[in-house]
C-alpha atoms as a PDB file:
ATOM      1  CA  UNK A   1      60.196 231.114 -42.741  1.00  0.00           C
ATOM      2  CA  UNK A   2      58.318 228.240 -44.405  1.00  0.00           C
ATOM      3  CA  UNK A   3      54.558 228.277 -43.978  1.00  0.00           C
ATOM      4  CA  UNK A   4      52.367 225.233 -43.320  1.00  0.00           C
ATOM      5  CA  UNK A   5      48.578 224.893 -43.182  1.00  0.00           C
ATOM      6  CA  UNK A   6      46.850 222.022 -41.365  1.00  0.00           C
ATOM      7  CA  UNK A   7      43.453 220.463 -42.022  1.00  0.00           C
ATOM      8  CA  UNK A   8      41.474 218.626 -39.315  1.00  0.00           C
ATOM      9  CA  UNK A   9      37.914 217.497 -38.582  1.00  0.00           C
ATOM     10  CA  UNK A  10      35.560 218.855 -35.928  1.00  0.00           C
ATOM     11  CA  UNK A  11      36.802 216.448 -33.257  1.00  0.00           C
ATOM     12  CA  UNK A  12      40.517 217.099 -33.670  1.00  0.00           C
ATOM     13  CA  UNK A  13      39.749 220.789 -34.163  1.00  0.00           C
ATOM     14  CA  UNK A  14      38.387 220.894 -30.617  1.00  0.00           C
ATOM     15  CA  UNK A  15      34.815 221.736 -31.610  1.00  0.00           C
ATOM     16  CA  UNK A  16      33.051 218.502 -30.614  1.00  0.00           C
ATOM     17  CA  UNK A  17      32.304 214.882 -31.427  1.00  0.00           C
ATOM     18  CA  UNK A  18      29.481 213.342 -33.462  1.00  0.00           C
ATOM     19  CA  UNK A  19      27.105 216.046 -32.215  1.00  0.00           C
ATOM     20  CA  UNK A  20      29.243 218.568 -34.130  1.00  0.00           C
ATOM     21  CA  UNK A  21      29.925 216.430 -37.206  1.00  0.00           C
ATOM     22  CA  UNK A  22      27.838 218.848 -39.314  1.00  0.00           C
ATOM     23  CA  UNK A  23      30.280 221.676 -38.601  1.00  0.00           C
ATOM     24  CA  UNK A  24      30.647 223.820 -41.715  1.00  0.00           C
ATOM     25  CA  UNK A  25      34.110 224.675 -43.085  1.00  0.00           C
ATOM     26  CA  UNK A  26      36.068 227.339 -41.250  1.00  0.00           C
ATOM     27  CA  UNK A  27      39.624 228.588 -41.010  1.00  0.00           C
ATOM     28  CA  UNK A  28      41.439 229.746 -37.884  1.00  0.00           C
ATOM     29  CA  UNK A  29      44.805 231.377 -37.460  1.00  0.00           C
ATOM     30  CA  UNK A  30      47.627 229.340 -35.980  1.00  0.00           C
ATOM     31  CA  UNK A  31      47.774 225.702 -34.923  1.00  0.00           C
ATOM     32  CA  UNK A  32      44.438 224.459 -33.554  1.00  0.00           C
ATOM     33  CA  UNK A  33      43.735 221.109 -31.882  1.00  0.00           C
ATOM     34  CA  UNK A  34      45.803 218.251 -33.269  1.00  0.00           C
ATOM     35  CA  UNK A  35      47.762 220.753 -35.375  1.00  0.00           C
ATOM     36  CA  UNK A  36      49.573 221.801 -32.189  1.00  0.00           C
ATOM     37  CA  UNK A  37      51.778 218.697 -31.836  1.00  0.00           C
ATOM     38  CA  UNK A  38      52.591 219.062 -35.529  1.00  0.00           C
ATOM     39  CA  UNK A  39      53.647 222.667 -34.900  1.00  0.00           C
ATOM     40  CA  UNK A  40      55.845 221.556 -32.009  1.00  0.00           C
ATOM     41  CA  UNK A  41      57.568 218.944 -34.173  1.00  0.00           C
ATOM     42  CA  UNK A  42      58.282 221.253 -37.095  1.00  0.00           C
ATOM     43  CA  UNK A  43      61.734 222.797 -37.200  1.00  0.00           C
ATOM     44  CA  UNK A  44      62.303 226.424 -36.302  1.00  0.00           C
ATOM     45  CA  UNK A  45      62.273 227.519 -39.930  1.00  0.00           C
ATOM     46  CA  UNK A  46      58.610 226.464 -40.357  1.00  0.00           C
ATOM     47  CA  UNK A  47      55.342 227.565 -38.766  1.00  0.00           C
ATOM     48  CA  UNK A  48      51.652 226.659 -39.006  1.00  0.00           C
ATOM     49  CA  UNK A  49      49.871 229.813 -40.068  1.00  0.00           C
ATOM     50  CA  UNK A  50      46.287 228.509 -40.286  1.00  0.00           C
ATOM     51  CA  UNK A  51      44.135 225.476 -39.502  1.00  0.00           C
ATOM     52  CA  UNK A  52      41.204 224.366 -41.666  1.00  0.00           C
ATOM     53  CA  UNK A  53      38.330 222.665 -39.835  1.00  0.00           C
ATOM     54  CA  UNK A  54      35.343 220.840 -41.323  1.00  0.00           C
ATOM     55  CA  UNK A  55      32.901 218.363 -39.801  1.00  0.00           C
ATOM     56  CA  UNK A  56      33.019 214.776 -41.040  1.00  0.00           C
ATOM     57  CA  UNK A  57      29.306 214.660 -41.871  1.00  0.00           C
ATOM     58  CA  UNK A  58      29.348 218.003 -43.646  1.00  0.00           C
ATOM     59  CA  UNK A  59      32.303 216.927 -45.747  1.00  0.00           C
ATOM     60  CA  UNK A  60      30.765 213.523 -46.505  1.00  0.00           C
ATOM     61  CA  UNK A  61      27.326 214.870 -47.411  1.00  0.00           C
ATOM     62  CA  UNK A  62      28.433 218.061 -49.179  1.00  0.00           C
ATOM     63  CA  UNK A  63      31.872 217.186 -50.521  1.00  0.00           C
ATOM     64  CA  UNK A  64      31.924 219.541 -53.510  1.00  0.00           C
ATOM     65  CA  UNK A  65      30.617 222.459 -51.477  1.00  0.00           C
ATOM     66  CA  UNK A  66      32.974 221.758 -48.572  1.00  0.00           C
ATOM     67  CA  UNK A  67      36.037 221.559 -50.818  1.00  0.00           C
ATOM     68  CA  UNK A  68      34.989 224.675 -52.737  1.00  0.00           C
ATOM     69  CA  UNK A  69      34.589 226.674 -49.532  1.00  0.00           C
ATOM     70  CA  UNK A  70      37.860 225.426 -48.042  1.00  0.00           C
ATOM     71  CA  UNK A  71      39.764 226.273 -51.219  1.00  0.00           C
ATOM     72  CA  UNK A  72      38.205 229.743 -51.232  1.00  0.00           C
ATOM     73  CA  UNK A  73      39.499 230.237 -47.681  1.00  0.00           C
ATOM     74  CA  UNK A  74      43.017 229.475 -48.897  1.00  0.00           C
ATOM     75  CA  UNK A  75      42.898 232.021 -51.714  1.00  0.00           C
ATOM     76  CA  UNK A  76      45.611 234.610 -51.170  1.00  0.00           C
ATOM     77  CA  UNK A  77      47.309 232.563 -48.437  1.00  0.00           C
ATOM     78  CA  UNK A  78      50.981 231.828 -48.977  1.00  0.00           C
ATOM     79  CA  UNK A  79      51.957 228.326 -47.871  1.00  0.00           C
ATOM     80  CA  UNK A  80      54.555 225.733 -48.785  1.00  0.00           C
ATOM     81  CA  UNK A  81      52.855 222.556 -47.511  1.00  0.00           C
ATOM     82  CA  UNK A  82      49.487 221.317 -46.287  1.00  0.00           C
ATOM     83  CA  UNK A  83      49.283 218.585 -43.632  1.00  0.00           C
ATOM     84  CA  UNK A  84      45.916 216.841 -43.090  1.00  0.00           C
ATOM     85  CA  UNK A  85      45.093 214.532 -40.197  1.00  0.00           C
ATOM     86  CA  UNK A  86      46.383 212.124 -38.953  1.00  0.00           C
ATOM     87  CA  UNK A  87      43.188 210.224 -39.745  1.00  0.00           C
ATOM     88  CA  UNK A  88      44.014 206.789 -38.227  1.00  0.00           C
ATOM     89  CA  UNK A  89      41.269 204.238 -39.129  1.00  0.00           C
ATOM     90  CA  UNK A  90      38.489 206.846 -39.206  1.00  0.00           C
ATOM     91  CA  UNK A  91      36.970 206.314 -42.653  1.00  0.00           C
ATOM     92  CA  UNK A  92      35.078 209.599 -43.049  1.00  0.00           C
ATOM     93  CA  UNK A  93      38.049 211.555 -41.732  1.00  0.00           C
ATOM     94  CA  UNK A  94      40.461 209.723 -44.021  1.00  0.00           C
ATOM     95  CA  UNK A  95      38.343 210.424 -47.096  1.00  0.00           C
ATOM     96  CA  UNK A  96      38.074 214.075 -46.039  1.00  0.00           C
ATOM     97  CA  UNK A  97      41.850 214.355 -45.654  1.00  0.00           C
ATOM     98  CA  UNK A  98      42.349 212.793 -49.066  1.00  0.00           C
ATOM     99  CA  UNK A  99      39.875 215.155 -50.716  1.00  0.00           C
ATOM    100  CA  UNK A 100      41.456 218.240 -49.138  1.00  0.00           C
ATOM    101  CA  UNK A 101      45.000 217.173 -50.032  1.00  0.00           C
ATOM    102  CA  UNK A 102      44.104 216.366 -53.626  1.00  0.00           C
ATOM    103  CA  UNK A 103      42.203 219.627 -54.074  1.00  0.00           C
ATOM    104  CA  UNK A 104      45.077 221.712 -52.657  1.00  0.00           C
ATOM    105  CA  UNK A 105      47.586 220.087 -54.991  1.00  0.00           C
ATOM    106  CA  UNK A 106      45.358 220.540 -58.031  1.00  0.00           C
ATOM    107  CA  UNK A 107      44.273 224.133 -57.326  1.00  0.00           C
ATOM    108  CA  UNK A 108      47.388 225.678 -55.789  1.00  0.00           C
ATOM    109  CA  UNK A 109      50.169 223.343 -56.921  1.00  0.00           C
ATOM    110  CA  UNK A 110      51.283 223.018 -53.300  1.00  0.00           C
ATOM    111  CA  UNK A 111      52.278 219.567 -51.955  1.00  0.00           C
ATOM    112  CA  UNK A 112      49.940 218.042 -49.373  1.00  0.00           C
ATOM    113  CA  UNK A 113      50.504 215.055 -47.092  1.00  0.00           C
ATOM    114  CA  UNK A 114      48.404 213.068 -44.645  1.00  0.00           C
ATOM    115  CA  UNK A 115      48.484 209.922 -42.494  1.00  0.00           C
ATOM    116  CA  UNK A 116      46.085 206.975 -42.302  1.00  0.00           C
ATOM    117  CA  UNK A 117      45.988 203.426 -41.060  1.00  0.00           C
ATOM    118  CA  UNK A 118      46.313 200.806 -43.799  1.00  0.00           C
ATOM    119  CA  UNK A 119      42.662 199.782 -43.290  1.00  0.00           C
ATOM    120  CA  UNK A 120      41.302 203.300 -43.781  1.00  0.00           C
ATOM    121  CA  UNK A 121      39.312 203.376 -47.063  1.00  0.00           C
ATOM    122  CA  UNK A 122      40.956 206.703 -47.864  1.00  0.00           C
ATOM    123  CA  UNK A 123      44.229 204.904 -48.558  1.00  0.00           C
ATOM    124  CA  UNK A 124      42.942 203.043 -51.613  1.00  0.00           C
ATOM    125  CA  UNK A 125      41.022 206.096 -52.787  1.00  0.00           C
ATOM    126  CA  UNK A 126      43.873 208.614 -52.663  1.00  0.00           C
ATOM    127  CA  UNK A 127      47.285 206.933 -52.379  1.00  0.00           C
ATOM    128  CA  UNK A 128      47.996 207.432 -56.087  1.00  0.00           C
ATOM    129  CA  UNK A 129      47.393 211.175 -55.801  1.00  0.00           C
ATOM    130  CA  UNK A 130      48.630 212.028 -52.308  1.00  0.00           C
ATOM    131  CA  UNK A 131      51.509 211.027 -50.050  1.00  0.00           C
ATOM    132  CA  UNK A 132      49.714 209.069 -47.315  1.00  0.00           C
ATOM    133  CA  UNK A 133      51.982 208.049 -44.460  1.00  0.00           C
ATOM    134  CA  UNK A 134      51.351 204.766 -42.675  1.00  0.00           C
ATOM    135  CA  UNK A 135      49.533 205.524 -39.429  1.00  0.00           C
ATOM    136  CA  UNK A 136      48.192 203.836 -36.320  1.00  0.00           C
ATOM    137  CA  UNK A 137      44.723 202.580 -35.483  1.00  0.00           C
ATOM    138  CA  UNK A 138      43.605 205.553 -33.390  1.00  0.00           C
ATOM    139  CA  UNK A 139      44.413 208.668 -31.379  1.00  0.00           C
ATOM    140  CA  UNK A 140      46.757 206.808 -28.956  1.00  0.00           C
ATOM    141  CA  UNK A 141      49.142 206.588 -31.925  1.00  0.00           C
ATOM    142  CA  UNK A 142      49.048 210.350 -32.521  1.00  0.00           C
ATOM    143  CA  UNK A 143      52.620 210.923 -31.339  1.00  0.00           C
ATOM    144  CA  UNK A 144      54.098 208.276 -33.660  1.00  0.00           C
ATOM    145  CA  UNK A 145      52.015 209.392 -36.645  1.00  0.00           C
ATOM    146  CA  UNK A 146      52.919 213.044 -36.159  1.00  0.00           C
ATOM    147  CA  UNK A 147      56.601 212.127 -35.848  1.00  0.00           C
ATOM    148  CA  UNK A 148      56.528 210.334 -39.208  1.00  0.00           C
ATOM    149  CA  UNK A 149      54.640 213.167 -40.928  1.00  0.00           C
ATOM    150  CA  UNK A 150      56.856 215.918 -39.588  1.00  0.00           C
ATOM    151  CA  UNK A 151      60.079 214.011 -40.232  1.00  0.00           C
ATOM    152  CA  UNK A 152      59.223 214.100 -43.909  1.00  0.00           C
ATOM    153  CA  UNK A 153      57.851 217.657 -43.716  1.00  0.00           C
ATOM    154  CA  UNK A 154      61.053 218.954 -42.130  1.00  0.00           C
ATOM    155  CA  UNK A 155      63.191 217.385 -44.837  1.00  0.00           C
ATOM    156  CA  UNK A 156      60.883 218.565 -47.603  1.00  0.00           C
ATOM    157  CA  UNK A 157      60.789 222.147 -46.317  1.00  0.00           C
ATOM    158  CA  UNK A 158      64.587 222.286 -46.256  1.00  0.00           C
ATOM    159  CA  UNK A 159      64.791 221.088 -49.846  1.00  0.00           C
ATOM    160  CA  UNK A 160      65.904 217.503 -49.266  1.00  0.00           C
ATOM    161  CA  UNK A 161      64.790 214.990 -51.923  1.00  0.00           C
ATOM    162  CA  UNK A 162      62.097 212.381 -51.445  1.00  0.00           C
ATOM    163  CA  UNK A 163      63.852 209.097 -50.623  1.00  0.00           C
ATOM    164  CA  UNK A 164      60.975 206.862 -51.709  1.00  0.00           C
ATOM    165  CA  UNK A 165      58.000 205.176 -50.061  1.00  0.00           C
ATOM    166  CA  UNK A 166      59.887 202.426 -48.236  1.00  0.00           C
ATOM    167  CA  UNK A 167      62.325 204.792 -46.524  1.00  0.00           C
ATOM    168  CA  UNK A 168      59.972 207.718 -45.929  1.00  0.00           C
ATOM    169  CA  UNK A 169      57.124 205.543 -44.645  1.00  0.00           C
ATOM    170  CA  UNK A 170      54.238 206.368 -46.981  1.00  0.00           C
ATOM    171  CA  UNK A 171      52.077 204.007 -49.047  1.00  0.00           C
ATOM    172  CA  UNK A 172      53.624 203.217 -52.454  1.00  0.00           C
ATOM    173  CA  UNK A 173      51.931 205.082 -55.293  1.00  0.00           C
ATOM    174  CA  UNK A 174      53.085 202.925 -58.171  1.00  0.00           C
ATOM    175  CA  UNK A 175      55.563 205.586 -59.319  1.00  0.00           C
ATOM    176  CA  UNK A 176      58.994 204.592 -60.596  1.00  0.00           C
ATOM    177  CA  UNK A 177      61.884 207.052 -60.664  1.00  0.00           C
ATOM    178  CA  UNK A 178      65.345 206.803 -62.109  1.00  0.00           C
ATOM    179  CA  UNK A 179      68.020 206.541 -59.417  1.00  0.00           C
ATOM    180  CA  UNK A 180      71.771 206.630 -59.994  1.00  0.00           C
ATOM    181  CA  UNK A 181      73.532 204.193 -57.667  1.00  0.00           C
ATOM    182  CA  UNK A 182      76.969 204.892 -56.263  1.00  0.00           C
ATOM    183  CA  UNK A 183      78.273 201.390 -57.009  1.00  0.00           C
ATOM    184  CA  UNK A 184      78.791 201.352 -60.779  1.00  0.00           C
ATOM    185  CA  UNK A 185      78.306 197.578 -60.970  1.00  0.00           C
ATOM    186  CA  UNK A 186      74.769 198.016 -59.660  1.00  0.00           C
ATOM    187  CA  UNK A 187      73.952 200.582 -62.305  1.00  0.00           C
ATOM    188  CA  UNK A 188      72.992 197.803 -64.707  1.00  0.00           C
ATOM    189  CA  UNK A 189      69.659 196.006 -64.553  1.00  0.00           C
ATOM    190  CA  UNK A 190      71.448 192.789 -65.537  1.00  0.00           C
ATOM    191  CA  UNK A 191      73.626 192.820 -62.431  1.00  0.00           C
ATOM    192  CA  UNK A 192      70.722 193.592 -60.093  1.00  0.00           C
ATOM    193  CA  UNK A 193      68.528 190.944 -61.730  1.00  0.00           C
ATOM    194  CA  UNK A 194      71.176 188.251 -61.343  1.00  0.00           C
ATOM    195  CA  UNK A 195      71.686 189.186 -57.683  1.00  0.00           C
ATOM    196  CA  UNK A 196      67.969 188.784 -57.023  1.00  0.00           C
ATOM    197  CA  UNK A 197      67.940 185.432 -58.828  1.00  0.00           C
ATOM    198  CA  UNK A 198      70.864 184.153 -56.738  1.00  0.00           C
ATOM    199  CA  UNK A 199      69.093 185.172 -53.528  1.00  0.00           C
ATOM    200  CA  UNK A 200      65.855 183.553 -54.681  1.00  0.00           C
ATOM    201  CA  UNK A 201      67.602 180.280 -55.587  1.00  0.00           C
ATOM    202  CA  UNK A 202      69.270 180.235 -52.171  1.00  0.00           C
ATOM    203  CA  UNK A 203      65.949 181.018 -50.434  1.00  0.00           C
ATOM    204  CA  UNK A 204      67.317 184.306 -49.153  1.00  0.00           C
ATOM    205  CA  UNK A 205      65.151 187.428 -48.761  1.00  0.00           C
ATOM    206  CA  UNK A 206      65.163 189.834 -51.693  1.00  0.00           C
ATOM    207  CA  UNK A 207      63.114 192.764 -52.914  1.00  0.00           C
ATOM    208  CA  UNK A 208      61.896 193.097 -56.474  1.00  0.00           C
ATOM    209  CA  UNK A 209      62.124 196.532 -58.044  1.00  0.00           C
ATOM    210  CA  UNK A 210      58.664 196.146 -59.594  1.00  0.00           C
ATOM    211  CA  UNK A 211      56.220 195.316 -56.825  1.00  0.00           C
ATOM    212  CA  UNK A 212      52.882 193.978 -58.060  1.00  0.00           C
ATOM    213  CA  UNK A 213      50.245 194.315 -55.324  1.00  0.00           C
ATOM    214  CA  UNK A 214      48.260 191.225 -54.450  1.00  0.00           C
ATOM    215  CA  UNK A 215      44.491 191.499 -54.631  1.00  0.00           C
ATOM    216  CA  UNK A 216      42.057 189.443 -52.617  1.00  0.00           C
ATOM    217  CA  UNK A 217      39.786 188.354 -55.451  1.00  0.00           C
ATOM    218  CA  UNK A 218      36.529 186.586 -54.687  1.00  0.00           C
ATOM    219  CA  UNK A 219      35.319 184.208 -57.420  1.00  0.00           C
ATOM    220  CA  UNK A 220      31.915 184.963 -58.912  1.00  0.00           C
ATOM    221  CA  UNK A 221      29.261 182.633 -57.540  1.00  0.00           C
ATOM    222  CA  UNK A 222      27.445 180.431 -60.057  1.00  0.00           C
ATOM    223  CA  UNK A 223      23.997 181.564 -61.205  1.00  0.00           C
ATOM    224  CA  UNK A 224      20.944 180.136 -59.441  1.00  0.00           C
ATOM    225  CA  UNK A 225      19.213 177.859 -61.936  1.00  0.00           C
ATOM    226  CA  UNK A 226      15.760 177.838 -60.332  1.00  0.00           C
ATOM    227  CA  UNK A 227      14.808 181.102 -58.611  1.00  0.00           C
ATOM    228  CA  UNK A 228      11.384 179.691 -57.786  1.00  0.00           C
ATOM    229  CA  UNK A 229      13.027 177.623 -55.055  1.00  0.00           C
ATOM    230  CA  UNK A 230      15.591 180.214 -53.922  1.00  0.00           C
ATOM    231  CA  UNK A 231      15.751 181.532 -50.367  1.00  0.00           C
ATOM    232  CA  UNK A 232      16.962 185.157 -50.487  1.00  0.00           C
ATOM    233  CA  UNK A 233      18.459 187.034 -47.530  1.00  0.00           C
ATOM    234  CA  UNK A 234      18.959 190.763 -47.025  1.00  0.00           C
ATOM    235  CA  UNK A 235      22.382 191.763 -45.676  1.00  0.00           C
ATOM    236  CA  UNK A 236      23.512 195.367 -45.392  1.00  0.00           C
ATOM    237  CA  UNK A 237      26.055 197.806 -43.968  1.00  0.00           C
ATOM    238  CA  UNK A 238      23.351 200.478 -43.653  1.00  0.00           C
ATOM    239  CA  UNK A 239      23.085 200.162 -39.861  1.00  0.00           C
ATOM    240  CA  UNK A 240      19.321 199.544 -39.638  1.00  0.00           C
ATOM    241  CA  UNK A 241      18.491 197.983 -36.256  1.00  0.00           C
ATOM    242  CA  UNK A 242      15.560 197.771 -33.831  1.00  0.00           C
ATOM    243  CA  UNK A 243      15.249 201.134 -32.076  1.00  0.00           C
ATOM    244  CA  UNK A 244      16.932 199.873 -28.887  1.00  0.00           C
ATOM    245  CA  UNK A 245      19.955 198.595 -30.858  1.00  0.00           C
ATOM    246  CA  UNK A 246      20.011 195.347 -28.828  1.00  0.00           C
ATOM    247  CA  UNK A 247      23.440 194.224 -30.079  1.00  0.00           C
ATOM    248  CA  UNK A 248      25.019 197.626 -29.376  1.00  0.00           C
ATOM    249  CA  UNK A 249      26.399 197.911 -32.896  1.00  0.00           C
ATOM    250  CA  UNK A 250      28.767 200.882 -33.106  1.00  0.00           C
ATOM    251  CA  UNK A 251      27.805 203.811 -35.334  1.00  0.00           C
ATOM    252  CA  UNK A 252      31.283 203.774 -36.923  1.00  0.00           C
ATOM    253  CA  UNK A 253      34.292 201.423 -36.993  1.00  0.00           C
ATOM    254  CA  UNK A 254      31.928 198.552 -36.221  1.00  0.00           C
ATOM    255  CA  UNK A 255      33.036 195.299 -34.635  1.00  0.00           C
ATOM    256  CA  UNK A 256      29.493 193.972 -34.068  1.00  0.00           C
ATOM    257  CA  UNK A 257      26.610 192.875 -36.261  1.00  0.00           C
ATOM    258  CA  UNK A 258      22.977 191.942 -35.775  1.00  0.00           C
ATOM    259  CA  UNK A 259      20.493 189.330 -37.029  1.00  0.00           C
ATOM    260  CA  UNK A 260      16.835 190.344 -36.698  1.00  0.00           C
ATOM    261  CA  UNK A 261      13.647 188.339 -37.230  1.00  0.00           C
ATOM    262  CA  UNK A 262      11.309 189.598 -39.984  1.00  0.00           C
ATOM    263  CA  UNK A 263       9.144 186.484 -40.369  1.00  0.00           C
ATOM    264  CA  UNK A 264       5.621 187.731 -41.060  1.00  0.00           C
ATOM    265  CA  UNK A 265       6.845 191.336 -41.462  1.00  0.00           C
ATOM    266  CA  UNK A 266       5.872 193.048 -44.739  1.00  0.00           C
ATOM    267  CA  UNK A 267       7.779 196.287 -44.117  1.00  0.00           C
ATOM    268  CA  UNK A 268      10.009 197.904 -41.499  1.00  0.00           C
ATOM    269  CA  UNK A 269       8.101 200.586 -39.621  1.00  0.00           C
ATOM    270  CA  UNK A 270       9.538 203.933 -38.524  1.00  0.00           C
ATOM    271  CA  UNK A 271       9.806 204.070 -34.745  1.00  0.00           C
ATOM    272  CA  UNK A 272      10.311 200.318 -34.612  1.00  0.00           C
ATOM    273  CA  UNK A 273      13.545 200.357 -36.620  1.00  0.00           C
ATOM    274  CA  UNK A 274      16.147 203.069 -37.140  1.00  0.00           C
ATOM    275  CA  UNK A 275      19.661 203.449 -38.501  1.00  0.00           C
ATOM    276  CA  UNK A 276      22.579 204.005 -36.150  1.00  0.00           C
ATOM    277  CA  UNK A 277      25.020 204.641 -39.043  1.00  0.00           C
ATOM    278  CA  UNK A 278      27.118 207.791 -38.487  1.00  0.00           C
ATOM    279  CA  UNK A 279      28.363 208.146 -42.060  1.00  0.00           C
ATOM    280  CA  UNK A 280      25.315 209.818 -43.632  1.00  0.00           C
ATOM    281  CA  UNK A 281      22.210 211.866 -42.780  1.00  0.00           C
ATOM    282  CA  UNK A 282      19.831 209.342 -41.164  1.00  0.00           C
ATOM    283  CA  UNK A 283      16.639 211.394 -41.562  1.00  0.00           C
ATOM    284  CA  UNK A 284      15.273 209.646 -44.665  1.00  0.00           C
ATOM    285  CA  UNK A 285      16.259 206.212 -43.377  1.00  0.00           C
ATOM    286  CA  UNK A 286      14.615 206.770 -40.001  1.00  0.00           C
ATOM    287  CA  UNK A 287      11.455 208.082 -41.654  1.00  0.00           C
ATOM    288  CA  UNK A 288      11.266 204.922 -43.783  1.00  0.00           C
ATOM    289  CA  UNK A 289      13.787 202.183 -42.858  1.00  0.00           C
ATOM    290  CA  UNK A 290      12.829 200.285 -46.042  1.00  0.00           C
ATOM    291  CA  UNK A 291      14.819 202.739 -48.191  1.00  0.00           C
ATOM    292  CA  UNK A 292      17.894 201.236 -46.512  1.00  0.00           C
ATOM    293  CA  UNK A 293      16.787 197.677 -45.761  1.00  0.00           C
ATOM    294  CA  UNK A 294      14.238 196.990 -48.550  1.00  0.00           C
ATOM    295  CA  UNK A 295      12.003 194.491 -46.803  1.00  0.00           C
ATOM    296  CA  UNK A 296       8.891 195.946 -48.460  1.00  0.00           C
ATOM    297  CA  UNK A 297      10.289 195.559 -51.993  1.00  0.00           C
ATOM    298  CA  UNK A 298      11.565 192.057 -51.244  1.00  0.00           C
ATOM    299  CA  UNK A 299       8.164 190.994 -49.924  1.00  0.00           C
ATOM    300  CA  UNK A 300       6.485 192.346 -53.059  1.00  0.00           C
ATOM    301  CA  UNK A 301       8.856 190.355 -55.291  1.00  0.00           C
ATOM    302  CA  UNK A 302       8.303 187.284 -53.142  1.00  0.00           C
ATOM    303  CA  UNK A 303       4.524 187.559 -53.595  1.00  0.00           C
ATOM    304  CA  UNK A 304       4.996 187.967 -57.338  1.00  0.00           C
ATOM    305  CA  UNK A 305       6.880 184.666 -57.390  1.00  0.00           C
ATOM    306  CA  UNK A 306      10.207 186.179 -58.473  1.00  0.00           C
ATOM    307  CA  UNK A 307      11.925 183.897 -55.966  1.00  0.00           C
ATOM    308  CA  UNK A 308      10.968 181.168 -53.524  1.00  0.00           C
ATOM    309  CA  UNK A 309      10.868 183.035 -50.222  1.00  0.00           C
ATOM    310  CA  UNK A 310      12.500 185.785 -48.229  1.00  0.00           C
ATOM    311  CA  UNK A 311      14.765 184.622 -45.428  1.00  0.00           C
ATOM    312  CA  UNK A 312      13.259 185.067 -41.959  1.00  0.00           C
ATOM    313  CA  UNK A 313      16.108 187.318 -40.782  1.00  0.00           C
ATOM    314  CA  UNK A 314      18.014 190.302 -42.056  1.00  0.00           C
ATOM    315  CA  UNK A 315      21.659 190.871 -41.161  1.00  0.00           C
ATOM    316  CA  UNK A 316      23.131 194.302 -40.512  1.00  0.00           C
ATOM    317  CA  UNK A 317      26.221 196.220 -39.420  1.00  0.00           C
ATOM    318  CA  UNK A 318      27.819 199.613 -40.123  1.00  0.00           C
ATOM    319  CA  UNK A 319      30.303 200.219 -42.927  1.00  0.00           C
ATOM    320  CA  UNK A 320      31.837 203.613 -42.173  1.00  0.00           C
ATOM    321  CA  UNK A 321      35.344 203.217 -40.786  1.00  0.00           C
ATOM    322  CA  UNK A 322      34.901 199.465 -40.413  1.00  0.00           C
ATOM    323  CA  UNK A 323      38.164 197.744 -41.216  1.00  0.00           C
ATOM    324  CA  UNK A 324      38.522 195.074 -43.860  1.00  0.00           C
ATOM    325  CA  UNK A 325      39.667 192.632 -41.199  1.00  0.00           C
ATOM    326  CA  UNK A 326      36.585 193.222 -39.024  1.00  0.00           C
ATOM    327  CA  UNK A 327      34.266 193.041 -42.046  1.00  0.00           C
ATOM    328  CA  UNK A 328      35.804 189.716 -43.043  1.00  0.00           C
ATOM    329  CA  UNK A 329      35.431 188.332 -39.529  1.00  0.00           C
ATOM    330  CA  UNK A 330      31.779 189.382 -39.312  1.00  0.00           C
ATOM    331  CA  UNK A 331      31.016 187.820 -42.697  1.00  0.00           C
ATOM    332  CA  UNK A 332      32.634 184.564 -41.598  1.00  0.00           C
ATOM    333  CA  UNK A 333      30.402 184.583 -38.515  1.00  0.00           C
ATOM    334  CA  UNK A 334      27.244 185.196 -40.590  1.00  0.00           C
ATOM    335  CA  UNK A 335      27.880 182.592 -43.289  1.00  0.00           C
ATOM    336  CA  UNK A 336      27.291 179.440 -41.163  1.00  0.00           C
ATOM    337  CA  UNK A 337      23.914 180.782 -40.028  1.00  0.00           C
ATOM    338  CA  UNK A 338      22.882 181.624 -43.583  1.00  0.00           C
ATOM    339  CA  UNK A 339      23.917 178.161 -44.790  1.00  0.00           C
ATOM    340  CA  UNK A 340      22.129 176.491 -41.886  1.00  0.00           C
ATOM    341  CA  UNK A 341      18.911 178.258 -42.899  1.00  0.00           C
ATOM    342  CA  UNK A 342      19.271 177.170 -46.535  1.00  0.00           C
ATOM    343  CA  UNK A 343      19.876 180.635 -48.001  1.00  0.00           C
ATOM    344  CA  UNK A 344      20.715 180.448 -51.721  1.00  0.00           C
ATOM    345  CA  UNK A 345      21.283 184.131 -52.492  1.00  0.00           C
ATOM    346  CA  UNK A 346      22.119 187.337 -50.668  1.00  0.00           C
ATOM    347  CA  UNK A 347      21.156 190.854 -51.656  1.00  0.00           C
ATOM    348  CA  UNK A 348      24.013 192.909 -50.216  1.00  0.00           C
ATOM    349  CA  UNK A 349      22.935 196.497 -49.736  1.00  0.00           C
ATOM    350  CA  UNK A 350      24.759 199.591 -48.524  1.00  0.00           C
ATOM    351  CA  UNK A 351      23.397 203.084 -47.984  1.00  0.00           C
END
């Protein structure tokens, strides 16, 4: 009987939501929470013996400790595969799954797989180290994501070879392997190259054997020649908002942003502003919002004449789990307002 261990966060482990995101690492016997549909989809010759659970905030704020404790829990456990997630678009969860998978492979030499949506930041961080299967946007896609994960797991556990990223459904890792083709004519690179050229010349679809990923590169803006006349704006993904969060910006996977008036304001006061960001411990930021949105430091530089003036508004949203597409859309909505107000430079801050 092949043995599988699953790794989930506090939500999919059935412990709780954001109120339990500080859950410390633990291990339970059997399939817990979202590990159950994985157990059901595994073939009869495989079973889930244990489920690892760790809160998203605990993992994000104490990564080394969390990984160390989880690995200690696996000491002495016999297992043939670890399955983490699915993590969907949840950024903290995706990064946690990637960290657990990578650590398991490095410490125990046991393969580990997970699933994430293509806009989860964990994909770019871990796809070269871990097999990350292409997943849906959220929990409604659980069935499809589990089916893809377990289809591969079932083949792997029975000793079948990996058929490659395109067929199996995981993100390409940039690895190239030698494959012997049945048709002897196609065994030569010359033949395959000519076939691709013929298809290209006839405007027919073809697939190169060396895929070079396209990067969305943003050109560097020209330097400001006269800072004494510059209007500088503060823009951040730190999630600092007025305490009532008037624009209802989400604490994770944001689709909204805010623009707040700071004309005549020398610093952001605790109790007037707070952070609604769910990706880090907010205590320090709520005690002094300026450590996240540095209005006080910007005002001091303005008074020293380092630049012309500070823009009358700051712009804010939340970065954790926010997709690239949503971030791009929000930026495109902010830019016309910044241009209209004559902003010359932006200080883009995070957490």
